[in-house]
Amino acid sequence: MIIYRVIKAITCLYANIKFKVDYKGLENIPEEGNYILVSNHRTYSDPPLLGKVIKKQLFFMAKKELFSNPIKNFIFKQLGAFPVNRGKGDTSAIEKALSILEDKNKILALFPEGTRSEDGRLKKIKSGASYITILAGADILPACLKYHKDAKFGDRLTITFDKLIKFNSLNIESKDEFSPKDIKKINILIEQKIRNMLER
């Protein structure tokens, strides 16, 4: 945990030097319990900047290619990242995500687009976050990173947190028996929440 705090402080310092960051909706971040934080994704600075204002440690999926370098492997893992083999139905990554959500002192952060957006436009939401939401019966905290220009040095960045979406409000009849319609319903909700914040 100490190493996490040190690396997090260093990465946040770098990101705050690189971008002019403004936070909104901090009152929507729950102080108790755990949840899935979902956000759009633009740069590698996104995870530490999201985690800066969340007291509990964030854990997030990252493509396995990022862990091939020993130095990056150490840094990413200390920051709470764990590898996922994208497009391969990686059950081990899903099991890891579910185990994180069983710990009330940990927060799972997911970028449901599945990759970074080069132009800042929201990409199609993939089903992974919705699938894990249902399996874990987890609440969802939508967030949005809005870079006001090209996500380059000196750019302004607004990070907004929306109100928590309670799992019970999703009207999923059973975590053991759900349909593709349930997945699609959550996908649409996540997309609407993030898009609304982007367009404000």
N, C-alpha and C. Protein backbone atom coordinates (compact mmCIF):
# COMPACT_ATOMS: atom_id res chain seq x y z
N MET A 1 0.83 -1.21 0.00
CA MET A 1 0.00 0.00 0.00
C MET A 1 0.86 1.26 0.00
N ILE A 2 2.01 1.20 0.72
CA ILE A 2 2.89 2.36 0.77
C ILE A 2 3.46 2.64 -0.62
N ILE A 3 3.89 1.57 -1.32
CA ILE A 3 4.44 1.73 -2.67
C ILE A 3 3.36 2.31 -3.59
N TYR A 4 2.13 1.83 -3.43
CA TYR A 4 1.02 2.34 -4.22
C TYR A 4 0.87 3.85 -4.02
N ARG A 5 0.91 4.29 -2.78
CA ARG A 5 0.73 5.71 -2.49
C ARG A 5 1.85 6.55 -3.07
N VAL A 6 3.07 6.03 -2.99
CA VAL A 6 4.22 6.78 -3.51
C VAL A 6 4.13 6.91 -5.03
N ILE A 7 3.89 5.79 -5.72
CA ILE A 7 3.80 5.82 -7.18
C ILE A 7 2.60 6.64 -7.63
N LYS A 8 1.49 6.50 -6.91
CA LYS A 8 0.30 7.28 -7.23
C LYS A 8 0.58 8.78 -7.09
N ALA A 9 1.31 9.16 -6.03
CA ALA A 9 1.63 10.58 -5.82
C ALA A 9 2.51 11.10 -6.93
N ILE A 10 3.48 10.28 -7.36
CA ILE A 10 4.40 10.71 -8.43
C ILE A 10 3.65 10.86 -9.75
N THR A 11 2.82 9.86 -10.09
CA THR A 11 2.08 9.92 -11.36
C THR A 11 1.06 11.05 -11.36
N CYS A 12 0.44 11.30 -10.21
CA CYS A 12 -0.52 12.41 -10.12
C CYS A 12 0.19 13.75 -10.25
N LEU A 13 1.37 13.86 -9.65
CA LEU A 13 2.15 15.09 -9.76
C LEU A 13 2.49 15.37 -11.22
N TYR A 14 2.95 14.34 -11.91
CA TYR A 14 3.28 14.48 -13.34
C TYR A 14 2.04 14.90 -14.14
N ALA A 15 0.92 14.19 -13.88
CA ALA A 15 -0.30 14.47 -14.63
C ALA A 15 -0.82 15.88 -14.36
N ASN A 16 -0.67 16.33 -13.11
CA ASN A 16 -1.14 17.67 -12.77
C ASN A 16 -0.25 18.76 -13.35
N ILE A 17 1.01 18.42 -13.58
CA ILE A 17 1.90 19.36 -14.26
C ILE A 17 1.54 19.40 -15.75
N LYS A 18 1.23 18.25 -16.30
CA LYS A 18 0.94 18.15 -17.73
C LYS A 18 -0.42 18.76 -18.07
N PHE A 19 -1.41 18.56 -17.21
CA PHE A 19 -2.76 19.05 -17.49
C PHE A 19 -3.24 19.99 -16.38
N LYS A 20 -4.13 20.90 -16.72
CA LYS A 20 -4.77 21.77 -15.75
C LYS A 20 -6.10 21.12 -15.37
N VAL A 21 -6.11 20.47 -14.21
CA VAL A 21 -7.22 19.57 -13.86
C VAL A 21 -8.22 20.25 -12.92
N ASP A 22 -9.50 20.07 -13.27
CA ASP A 22 -10.59 20.56 -12.44
C ASP A 22 -11.54 19.39 -12.17
N TYR A 23 -11.92 19.21 -10.90
CA TYR A 23 -12.81 18.11 -10.52
C TYR A 23 -14.21 18.64 -10.22
N LYS A 24 -15.21 17.90 -10.66
CA LYS A 24 -16.60 18.24 -10.37
C LYS A 24 -17.34 16.98 -9.89
N GLY A 25 -18.37 17.19 -9.09
CA GLY A 25 -19.20 16.08 -8.60
C GLY A 25 -18.53 15.22 -7.56
N LEU A 26 -17.57 15.78 -6.83
CA LEU A 26 -16.87 14.99 -5.81
C LEU A 26 -17.81 14.51 -4.71
N GLU A 27 -18.90 15.23 -4.53
CA GLU A 27 -19.88 14.82 -3.52
C GLU A 27 -20.59 13.52 -3.89
N ASN A 28 -20.46 13.11 -5.15
CA ASN A 28 -21.10 11.86 -5.60
C ASN A 28 -20.25 10.62 -5.33
N ILE A 29 -19.01 10.80 -4.89
CA ILE A 29 -18.14 9.66 -4.62
C ILE A 29 -18.51 9.07 -3.26
N PRO A 30 -18.94 7.81 -3.21
CA PRO A 30 -19.33 7.20 -1.93
C PRO A 30 -18.13 7.05 -1.00
N GLU A 31 -18.37 7.27 0.28
CA GLU A 31 -17.31 7.09 1.26
C GLU A 31 -17.29 5.65 1.79
N GLU A 32 -18.42 4.98 1.73
CA GLU A 32 -18.52 3.62 2.22
C GLU A 32 -18.86 2.66 1.09
N GLY A 33 -18.52 1.37 1.29
CA GLY A 33 -18.87 0.35 0.31
C GLY A 33 -17.98 0.41 -0.92
N ASN A 34 -18.16 -0.57 -1.79
CA ASN A 34 -17.40 -0.55 -3.03
C ASN A 34 -18.35 -0.51 -4.22
N TYR A 35 -17.78 -0.32 -5.39
CA TYR A 35 -18.59 -0.11 -6.59
C TYR A 35 -17.67 -0.25 -7.80
N ILE A 36 -18.26 -0.16 -8.98
CA ILE A 36 -17.49 -0.14 -10.22
C ILE A 36 -17.47 1.29 -10.75
N LEU A 37 -16.28 1.84 -10.88
CA LEU A 37 -16.11 3.15 -11.48
C LEU A 37 -15.96 2.96 -12.99
N VAL A 38 -16.84 3.57 -13.77
CA VAL A 38 -16.74 3.46 -15.24
C VAL A 38 -16.49 4.84 -15.82
N SER A 39 -15.58 4.91 -16.79
CA SER A 39 -15.21 6.20 -17.37
C SER A 39 -14.77 6.02 -18.81
N ASN A 40 -14.85 7.11 -19.55
CA ASN A 40 -14.22 7.13 -20.87
C ASN A 40 -12.70 7.16 -20.68
N HIS A 41 -11.96 6.98 -21.77
CA HIS A 41 -10.50 6.79 -21.64
C HIS A 41 -9.80 7.52 -22.78
N ARG A 42 -8.86 8.41 -22.42
CA ARG A 42 -8.15 9.20 -23.44
C ARG A 42 -6.63 9.04 -23.36
N THR A 43 -6.07 9.06 -22.12
CA THR A 43 -4.62 9.00 -21.98
C THR A 43 -4.24 8.03 -20.85
N TYR A 44 -2.95 7.71 -20.79
CA TYR A 44 -2.45 6.84 -19.73
C TYR A 44 -2.46 7.54 -18.37
N SER A 45 -2.69 8.83 -18.35
CA SER A 45 -2.79 9.56 -17.08
C SER A 45 -4.16 9.40 -16.43
N ASP A 46 -5.13 8.86 -17.17
CA ASP A 46 -6.50 8.78 -16.66
C ASP A 46 -6.63 8.01 -15.33
N PRO A 47 -6.06 6.81 -15.20
CA PRO A 47 -6.25 6.06 -13.94
C PRO A 47 -5.77 6.79 -12.69
N PRO A 48 -4.52 7.32 -12.65
CA PRO A 48 -4.10 8.01 -11.42
C PRO A 48 -4.88 9.28 -11.16
N LEU A 49 -5.32 9.98 -12.21
CA LEU A 49 -6.09 11.20 -12.01
C LEU A 49 -7.48 10.89 -11.43
N LEU A 50 -8.06 9.78 -11.86
CA LEU A 50 -9.34 9.35 -11.27
C LEU A 50 -9.14 8.92 -9.83
N GLY A 51 -8.04 8.20 -9.59
CA GLY A 51 -7.78 7.69 -8.25
C GLY A 51 -7.35 8.74 -7.25
N LYS A 52 -6.91 9.89 -7.74
CA LYS A 52 -6.40 10.93 -6.85
C LYS A 52 -7.42 11.34 -5.80
N VAL A 53 -8.70 11.43 -6.18
CA VAL A 53 -9.73 11.95 -5.28
C VAL A 53 -10.56 10.83 -4.64
N ILE A 54 -10.15 9.57 -4.86
CA ILE A 54 -10.85 8.43 -4.26
C ILE A 54 -9.94 7.83 -3.18
N LYS A 55 -10.42 7.77 -1.97
CA LYS A 55 -9.59 7.37 -0.83
C LYS A 55 -9.14 5.91 -0.94
N LYS A 56 -10.03 5.05 -1.40
CA LYS A 56 -9.69 3.63 -1.51
C LYS A 56 -8.87 3.39 -2.77
N GLN A 57 -8.12 2.29 -2.79
CA GLN A 57 -7.28 2.01 -3.95
C GLN A 57 -8.12 1.54 -5.13
N LEU A 58 -7.78 2.09 -6.30
CA LEU A 58 -8.43 1.67 -7.54
C LEU A 58 -7.68 0.49 -8.13
N PHE A 59 -8.43 -0.46 -8.67
CA PHE A 59 -7.86 -1.57 -9.42
C PHE A 59 -8.52 -1.56 -10.78
N PHE A 60 -7.73 -1.71 -11.83
CA PHE A 60 -8.30 -1.59 -13.16
C PHE A 60 -7.64 -2.56 -14.13
N MET A 61 -8.42 -2.95 -15.14
CA MET A 61 -7.91 -3.82 -16.20
C MET A 61 -7.05 -3.02 -17.17
N ALA A 62 -5.99 -3.65 -17.64
CA ALA A 62 -5.13 -3.04 -18.67
C ALA A 62 -4.69 -4.13 -19.63
N LYS A 63 -4.55 -3.76 -20.89
CA LYS A 63 -4.18 -4.77 -21.88
C LYS A 63 -2.86 -5.43 -21.50
N LYS A 64 -2.77 -6.74 -21.70
CA LYS A 64 -1.62 -7.51 -21.21
C LYS A 64 -0.30 -7.04 -21.82
N GLU A 65 -0.35 -6.42 -23.01
CA GLU A 65 0.87 -5.97 -23.66
C GLU A 65 1.63 -4.94 -22.82
N LEU A 66 0.92 -4.21 -21.96
CA LEU A 66 1.56 -3.20 -21.14
C LEU A 66 2.44 -3.79 -20.05
N PHE A 67 2.29 -5.08 -19.80
CA PHE A 67 3.02 -5.72 -18.71
C PHE A 67 4.27 -6.47 -19.20
N SER A 68 4.58 -6.35 -20.48
CA SER A 68 5.71 -7.09 -21.05
C SER A 68 7.06 -6.52 -20.61
N ASN A 69 7.09 -5.21 -20.37
CA ASN A 69 8.30 -4.56 -19.90
C ASN A 69 8.38 -4.67 -18.37
N PRO A 70 9.51 -5.16 -17.80
CA PRO A 70 9.61 -5.37 -16.34
C PRO A 70 9.34 -4.12 -15.51
N ILE A 71 9.82 -2.98 -15.98
CA ILE A 71 9.61 -1.73 -15.23
C ILE A 71 8.15 -1.33 -15.26
N LYS A 72 7.57 -1.35 -16.47
CA LYS A 72 6.14 -1.02 -16.58
C LYS A 72 5.29 -2.03 -15.82
N ASN A 73 5.68 -3.29 -15.87
CA ASN A 73 4.96 -4.34 -15.17
C ASN A 73 4.89 -4.02 -13.68
N PHE A 74 6.02 -3.61 -13.09
CA PHE A 74 6.06 -3.27 -11.67
C PHE A 74 5.19 -2.06 -11.37
N ILE A 75 5.35 -1.00 -12.17
CA ILE A 75 4.61 0.23 -11.92
C ILE A 75 3.11 0.02 -12.06
N PHE A 76 2.70 -0.63 -13.15
CA PHE A 76 1.27 -0.84 -13.37
C PHE A 76 0.64 -1.70 -12.28
N LYS A 77 1.34 -2.74 -11.87
CA LYS A 77 0.78 -3.61 -10.83
C LYS A 77 0.70 -2.90 -9.48
N GLN A 78 1.69 -2.05 -9.19
CA GLN A 78 1.64 -1.30 -7.94
C GLN A 78 0.52 -0.27 -7.96
N LEU A 79 0.14 0.18 -9.15
CA LEU A 79 -0.96 1.13 -9.28
C LEU A 79 -2.32 0.44 -9.28
N GLY A 80 -2.31 -0.90 -9.19
CA GLY A 80 -3.58 -1.63 -9.12
C GLY A 80 -4.05 -2.21 -10.43
N ALA A 81 -3.21 -2.15 -11.46
CA ALA A 81 -3.60 -2.70 -12.76
C ALA A 81 -3.41 -4.21 -12.78
N PHE A 82 -4.25 -4.89 -13.51
CA PHE A 82 -4.07 -6.31 -13.74
C PHE A 82 -4.38 -6.60 -15.22
N PRO A 83 -3.67 -7.56 -15.80
CA PRO A 83 -3.75 -7.77 -17.26
C PRO A 83 -5.03 -8.44 -17.71
N VAL A 84 -5.45 -8.06 -18.90
CA VAL A 84 -6.58 -8.71 -19.55
C VAL A 84 -6.20 -8.98 -21.00
N ASN A 85 -6.52 -10.16 -21.47
CA ASN A 85 -6.27 -10.54 -22.86
C ASN A 85 -7.50 -10.12 -23.66
N ARG A 86 -7.44 -8.94 -24.25
CA ARG A 86 -8.61 -8.37 -24.90
C ARG A 86 -9.08 -9.20 -26.08
N GLY A 87 -10.40 -9.34 -26.17
CA GLY A 87 -10.99 -10.05 -27.30
C GLY A 87 -10.89 -11.55 -27.21
N LYS A 88 -10.43 -12.06 -26.07
CA LYS A 88 -10.25 -13.51 -25.93
C LYS A 88 -11.15 -14.13 -24.87
N GLY A 89 -12.10 -13.35 -24.31
CA GLY A 89 -12.96 -13.90 -23.27
C GLY A 89 -12.15 -14.32 -22.06
N ASP A 90 -11.31 -13.41 -21.57
CA ASP A 90 -10.37 -13.71 -20.49
C ASP A 90 -11.09 -13.93 -19.17
N THR A 91 -11.37 -15.19 -18.83
CA THR A 91 -12.10 -15.50 -17.60
C THR A 91 -11.29 -15.19 -16.35
N SER A 92 -9.96 -15.30 -16.43
CA SER A 92 -9.13 -15.02 -15.26
C SER A 92 -9.23 -13.55 -14.87
N ALA A 93 -9.31 -12.66 -15.87
CA ALA A 93 -9.45 -11.23 -15.59
C ALA A 93 -10.81 -10.94 -14.95
N ILE A 94 -11.84 -11.62 -15.43
CA ILE A 94 -13.17 -11.44 -14.84
C ILE A 94 -13.19 -11.94 -13.40
N GLU A 95 -12.56 -13.08 -13.14
CA GLU A 95 -12.48 -13.61 -11.78
C GLU A 95 -11.73 -12.65 -10.86
N LYS A 96 -10.66 -12.06 -11.38
CA LYS A 96 -9.90 -11.06 -10.61
C LYS A 96 -10.77 -9.86 -10.29
N ALA A 97 -11.53 -9.40 -11.28
CA ALA A 97 -12.42 -8.25 -11.08
C ALA A 97 -13.47 -8.55 -10.01
N LEU A 98 -14.04 -9.73 -10.05
CA LEU A 98 -15.06 -10.12 -9.07
C LEU A 98 -14.46 -10.22 -7.67
N SER A 99 -13.23 -10.71 -7.57
CA SER A 99 -12.59 -10.83 -6.26
C SER A 99 -12.32 -9.45 -5.66
N ILE A 100 -11.99 -8.48 -6.51
CA ILE A 100 -11.78 -7.11 -6.05
C ILE A 100 -13.07 -6.55 -5.45
N LEU A 101 -14.18 -6.83 -6.11
CA LEU A 101 -15.47 -6.30 -5.66
C LEU A 101 -15.98 -6.97 -4.40
N GLU A 102 -15.33 -8.04 -3.97
CA GLU A 102 -15.68 -8.69 -2.71
C GLU A 102 -15.01 -8.00 -1.52
N ASP A 103 -14.05 -7.13 -1.81
CA ASP A 103 -13.29 -6.43 -0.78
C ASP A 103 -13.82 -5.00 -0.66
N LYS A 104 -14.36 -4.65 0.48
CA LYS A 104 -14.97 -3.33 0.67
C LYS A 104 -13.96 -2.19 0.68
N ASN A 105 -12.67 -2.52 0.71
CA ASN A 105 -11.64 -1.48 0.71
C ASN A 105 -11.03 -1.27 -0.66
N LYS A 106 -11.61 -1.90 -1.68
CA LYS A 106 -11.08 -1.79 -3.03
C LYS A 106 -12.17 -1.34 -3.99
N ILE A 107 -11.76 -0.60 -5.00
CA ILE A 107 -12.69 -0.12 -6.02
C ILE A 107 -12.22 -0.63 -7.38
N LEU A 108 -13.14 -1.18 -8.16
CA LEU A 108 -12.83 -1.63 -9.51
C LEU A 108 -13.11 -0.50 -10.49
N ALA A 109 -12.11 -0.13 -11.27
CA ALA A 109 -12.28 0.91 -12.29
C ALA A 109 -12.19 0.28 -13.67
N LEU A 110 -13.16 0.56 -14.51
CA LEU A 110 -13.19 -0.01 -15.85
C LEU A 110 -13.40 1.09 -16.89
N PHE A 111 -12.73 0.91 -18.03
CA PHE A 111 -12.93 1.80 -19.17
C PHE A 111 -13.72 1.00 -20.21
N PRO A 112 -15.04 1.12 -20.20
CA PRO A 112 -15.89 0.24 -21.02
C PRO A 112 -15.73 0.37 -22.53
N GLU A 113 -15.03 1.39 -23.00
CA GLU A 113 -14.74 1.47 -24.43
C GLU A 113 -13.73 0.39 -24.84
N GLY A 114 -12.94 -0.07 -23.86
CA GLY A 114 -11.97 -1.14 -24.12
C GLY A 114 -10.63 -0.68 -24.63
N THR A 115 -10.52 0.62 -24.94
CA THR A 115 -9.27 1.18 -25.45
C THR A 115 -9.34 2.69 -25.33
N ARG A 116 -8.22 3.35 -25.57
CA ARG A 116 -8.21 4.81 -25.52
C ARG A 116 -8.82 5.40 -26.79
N SER A 117 -9.46 6.55 -26.62
CA SER A 117 -10.00 7.29 -27.76
C SER A 117 -8.97 8.32 -28.20
N GLU A 118 -8.55 8.25 -29.43
CA GLU A 118 -7.52 9.18 -29.93
C GLU A 118 -8.06 10.59 -30.12
N ASP A 119 -9.34 10.72 -30.44
CA ASP A 119 -9.90 12.04 -30.73
C ASP A 119 -10.84 12.57 -29.64
N GLY A 120 -11.00 11.79 -28.57
CA GLY A 120 -11.84 12.25 -27.47
C GLY A 120 -13.31 11.90 -27.62
N ARG A 121 -13.68 11.39 -28.79
CA ARG A 121 -15.08 10.98 -28.97
C ARG A 121 -15.31 9.65 -28.28
N LEU A 122 -16.48 9.50 -27.70
CA LEU A 122 -16.81 8.27 -26.99
C LEU A 122 -16.98 7.12 -27.97
N LYS A 123 -16.22 6.06 -27.77
CA LYS A 123 -16.34 4.88 -28.63
C LYS A 123 -17.50 4.01 -28.16
N LYS A 124 -17.81 3.00 -28.94
CA LYS A 124 -18.87 2.07 -28.58
C LYS A 124 -18.55 1.37 -27.27
N ILE A 125 -19.55 1.31 -26.40
CA ILE A 125 -19.37 0.67 -25.10
C ILE A 125 -19.40 -0.85 -25.26
N LYS A 126 -18.37 -1.50 -24.76
CA LYS A 126 -18.32 -2.96 -24.81
C LYS A 126 -19.05 -3.54 -23.61
N SER A 127 -19.28 -4.84 -23.62
CA SER A 127 -20.17 -5.47 -22.65
C SER A 127 -19.49 -5.89 -21.35
N GLY A 128 -18.16 -5.81 -21.28
CA GLY A 128 -17.45 -6.32 -20.11
C GLY A 128 -17.89 -5.70 -18.80
N ALA A 129 -17.98 -4.38 -18.76
CA ALA A 129 -18.35 -3.70 -17.52
C ALA A 129 -19.76 -4.07 -17.08
N SER A 130 -20.69 -4.16 -18.04
CA SER A 130 -22.07 -4.52 -17.72
C SER A 130 -22.16 -5.95 -17.23
N TYR A 131 -21.39 -6.83 -17.85
CA TYR A 131 -21.37 -8.24 -17.47
C TYR A 131 -20.87 -8.40 -16.04
N ILE A 132 -19.78 -7.72 -15.70
CA ILE A 132 -19.23 -7.80 -14.35
C ILE A 132 -20.18 -7.17 -13.34
N THR A 133 -20.83 -6.07 -13.74
CA THR A 133 -21.82 -5.43 -12.87
C THR A 133 -22.88 -6.41 -12.42
N ILE A 134 -23.41 -7.17 -13.37
CA ILE A 134 -24.48 -8.12 -13.05
C ILE A 134 -23.95 -9.27 -12.21
N LEU A 135 -22.81 -9.83 -12.58
CA LEU A 135 -22.26 -10.96 -11.83
C LEU A 135 -21.97 -10.59 -10.37
N ALA A 136 -21.51 -9.36 -10.16
CA ALA A 136 -21.15 -8.93 -8.81
C ALA A 136 -22.31 -8.27 -8.07
N GLY A 137 -23.37 -7.92 -8.81
CA GLY A 137 -24.46 -7.18 -8.18
C GLY A 137 -23.97 -5.84 -7.67
N ALA A 138 -23.11 -5.20 -8.46
CA ALA A 138 -22.39 -4.00 -8.00
C ALA A 138 -23.08 -2.71 -8.42
N ASP A 139 -22.90 -1.69 -7.61
CA ASP A 139 -23.33 -0.34 -7.98
C ASP A 139 -22.32 0.22 -8.98
N ILE A 140 -22.73 1.26 -9.72
CA ILE A 140 -21.88 1.86 -10.75
C ILE A 140 -21.72 3.35 -10.48
N LEU A 141 -20.47 3.82 -10.51
CA LEU A 141 -20.21 5.25 -10.41
C LEU A 141 -19.69 5.75 -11.76
N PRO A 142 -20.51 6.46 -12.53
CA PRO A 142 -20.06 6.98 -13.83
C PRO A 142 -19.13 8.19 -13.65
N ALA A 143 -18.09 8.23 -14.45
CA ALA A 143 -17.17 9.36 -14.44
C ALA A 143 -16.83 9.74 -15.87
N CYS A 144 -16.31 10.94 -16.03
CA CYS A 144 -15.99 11.42 -17.38
C CYS A 144 -14.74 12.29 -17.33
N LEU A 145 -13.81 12.02 -18.24
CA LEU A 145 -12.63 12.85 -18.40
C LEU A 145 -12.80 13.66 -19.69
N LYS A 146 -12.93 14.96 -19.54
CA LYS A 146 -13.15 15.83 -20.70
C LYS A 146 -11.92 16.69 -20.93
N TYR A 147 -11.13 16.31 -21.94
CA TYR A 147 -9.98 17.12 -22.34
C TYR A 147 -10.48 18.19 -23.30
N HIS A 148 -10.14 19.43 -23.03
CA HIS A 148 -10.77 20.52 -23.76
C HIS A 148 -10.12 20.81 -25.11
N LYS A 149 -8.93 20.21 -25.38
CA LYS A 149 -8.31 20.38 -26.68
C LYS A 149 -7.82 19.02 -27.20
N ASP A 150 -6.51 18.84 -27.24
CA ASP A 150 -5.95 17.63 -27.85
C ASP A 150 -5.25 16.71 -26.86
N ALA A 151 -5.51 16.88 -25.57
CA ALA A 151 -4.88 16.06 -24.52
C ALA A 151 -3.36 16.16 -24.59
N LYS A 152 -2.87 17.37 -24.89
CA LYS A 152 -1.43 17.60 -24.92
C LYS A 152 -1.03 18.49 -23.74
N PHE A 153 0.25 18.69 -23.60
CA PHE A 153 0.78 19.44 -22.46
C PHE A 153 0.09 20.81 -22.34
N GLY A 154 -0.39 21.10 -21.13
CA GLY A 154 -1.03 22.37 -20.87
C GLY A 154 -2.53 22.39 -21.10
N ASP A 155 -3.08 21.31 -21.60
CA ASP A 155 -4.52 21.25 -21.88
C ASP A 155 -5.31 21.26 -20.57
N ARG A 156 -6.49 21.85 -20.63
CA ARG A 156 -7.40 21.81 -19.49
C ARG A 156 -8.16 20.49 -19.50
N LEU A 157 -8.39 19.96 -18.32
CA LEU A 157 -9.09 18.69 -18.18
C LEU A 157 -10.11 18.81 -17.07
N THR A 158 -11.35 18.47 -17.37
CA THR A 158 -12.40 18.44 -16.35
C THR A 158 -12.79 16.99 -16.10
N ILE A 159 -12.69 16.58 -14.84
CA ILE A 159 -13.08 15.23 -14.44
C ILE A 159 -14.35 15.33 -13.61
N THR A 160 -15.41 14.70 -14.09
CA THR A 160 -16.72 14.78 -13.45
C THR A 160 -17.18 13.42 -12.97
N PHE A 161 -17.74 13.38 -11.77
CA PHE A 161 -18.33 12.16 -11.23
C PHE A 161 -19.84 12.36 -11.14
N ASP A 162 -20.59 11.43 -11.71
CA ASP A 162 -22.06 11.50 -11.69
C ASP A 162 -22.58 10.77 -10.45
N LYS A 163 -23.87 10.78 -10.27
CA LYS A 163 -24.47 10.11 -9.12
C LYS A 163 -24.34 8.59 -9.25
N LEU A 164 -24.22 7.93 -8.11
CA LEU A 164 -24.08 6.48 -8.07
C LEU A 164 -25.35 5.81 -8.59
N ILE A 165 -25.17 4.82 -9.47
CA ILE A 165 -26.29 4.03 -9.97
C ILE A 165 -26.38 2.76 -9.11
N LYS A 166 -27.42 2.65 -8.34
CA LYS A 166 -27.59 1.48 -7.48
C LYS A 166 -27.97 0.26 -8.31
N PHE A 167 -27.38 -0.87 -7.99
CA PHE A 167 -27.67 -2.09 -8.74
C PHE A 167 -29.16 -2.42 -8.70
N ASN A 168 -29.79 -2.19 -7.55
CA ASN A 168 -31.22 -2.51 -7.41
C ASN A 168 -32.09 -1.70 -8.37
N SER A 169 -31.60 -0.53 -8.80
CA SER A 169 -32.39 0.31 -9.69
C SER A 169 -32.33 -0.19 -11.14
N LEU A 170 -31.46 -1.16 -11.42
CA LEU A 170 -31.31 -1.66 -12.79
C LEU A 170 -32.38 -2.69 -13.14
N ASN A 171 -33.11 -3.15 -12.13
CA ASN A 171 -34.20 -4.11 -12.34
C ASN A 171 -33.74 -5.39 -13.03
N ILE A 172 -32.62 -5.93 -12.56
CA ILE A 172 -32.15 -7.23 -13.03
C ILE A 172 -32.78 -8.29 -12.13
N GLU A 173 -33.58 -9.16 -12.69
CA GLU A 173 -34.33 -10.11 -11.88
C GLU A 173 -33.43 -11.06 -11.11
N SER A 174 -32.36 -11.53 -11.75
CA SER A 174 -31.48 -12.48 -11.08
C SER A 174 -30.06 -12.35 -11.62
N LYS A 175 -29.08 -12.39 -10.69
CA LYS A 175 -27.68 -12.34 -11.11
C LYS A 175 -27.26 -13.66 -11.76
N ASP A 176 -28.04 -14.71 -11.51
CA ASP A 176 -27.72 -16.03 -12.06
C ASP A 176 -28.40 -16.27 -13.40
N GLU A 177 -29.49 -15.56 -13.65
CA GLU A 177 -30.22 -15.73 -14.90
C GLU A 177 -30.51 -14.34 -15.49
N PHE A 178 -29.70 -13.97 -16.47
CA PHE A 178 -29.92 -12.67 -17.11
C PHE A 178 -29.76 -12.85 -18.62
N SER A 179 -30.26 -11.88 -19.35
CA SER A 179 -30.31 -12.00 -20.80
C SER A 179 -29.42 -10.96 -21.47
N PRO A 180 -29.16 -11.12 -22.76
CA PRO A 180 -28.43 -10.08 -23.51
C PRO A 180 -29.11 -8.71 -23.43
N LYS A 181 -30.43 -8.71 -23.25
CA LYS A 181 -31.15 -7.44 -23.12
C LYS A 181 -30.71 -6.70 -21.86
N ASP A 182 -30.43 -7.46 -20.79
CA ASP A 182 -29.97 -6.84 -19.55
C ASP A 182 -28.60 -6.19 -19.75
N ILE A 183 -27.72 -6.89 -20.45
CA ILE A 183 -26.40 -6.35 -20.76
C ILE A 183 -26.54 -5.07 -21.59
N LYS A 184 -27.36 -5.13 -22.63
CA LYS A 184 -27.55 -3.98 -23.52
C LYS A 184 -28.13 -2.79 -22.76
N LYS A 185 -29.05 -3.07 -21.84
CA LYS A 185 -29.68 -2.01 -21.05
C LYS A 185 -28.64 -1.25 -20.23
N ILE A 186 -27.72 -1.98 -19.61
CA ILE A 186 -26.68 -1.33 -18.80
C ILE A 186 -25.68 -0.61 -19.70
N ASN A 187 -25.35 -1.23 -20.84
CA ASN A 187 -24.46 -0.56 -21.80
C ASN A 187 -25.01 0.80 -22.20
N ILE A 188 -26.29 0.84 -22.53
CA ILE A 188 -26.93 2.09 -22.97
C ILE A 188 -26.91 3.12 -21.84
N LEU A 189 -27.17 2.66 -20.62
CA LEU A 189 -27.18 3.57 -19.47
C LEU A 189 -25.80 4.17 -19.23
N ILE A 190 -24.75 3.33 -19.28
CA ILE A 190 -23.38 3.81 -19.09
C ILE A 190 -23.02 4.83 -20.17
N GLU A 191 -23.36 4.49 -21.41
CA GLU A 191 -23.05 5.38 -22.52
C GLU A 191 -23.75 6.73 -22.37
N GLN A 192 -25.02 6.70 -21.99
CA GLN A 192 -25.78 7.94 -21.83
C GLN A 192 -25.17 8.83 -20.74
N LYS A 193 -24.81 8.20 -19.62
CA LYS A 193 -24.26 8.96 -18.51
C LYS A 193 -22.94 9.65 -18.90
N ILE A 194 -22.03 8.89 -19.52
CA ILE A 194 -20.74 9.44 -19.90
C ILE A 194 -20.89 10.48 -21.01
N ARG A 195 -21.74 10.19 -21.98
CA ARG A 195 -21.94 11.13 -23.09
C ARG A 195 -22.53 12.44 -22.61
N ASN A 196 -23.47 12.37 -21.68
CA ASN A 196 -24.09 13.58 -21.13
C ASN A 196 -23.03 14.46 -20.45
N MET A 197 -22.11 13.82 -19.73
CA MET A 197 -21.05 14.60 -19.06
C MET A 197 -20.08 15.19 -20.08
N LEU A 198 -19.79 14.45 -21.14
CA LEU A 198 -18.90 14.95 -22.18
C LEU A 198 -19.49 16.18 -22.89
N GLU A 199 -20.80 16.19 -23.04
CA GLU A 199 -21.46 17.24 -23.83
C GLU A 199 -21.87 18.44 -23.01
N ARG A 200 -21.69 18.38 -21.71
CA ARG A 200 -22.08 19.53 -20.88
C ARG A 200 -21.22 20.74 -21.21
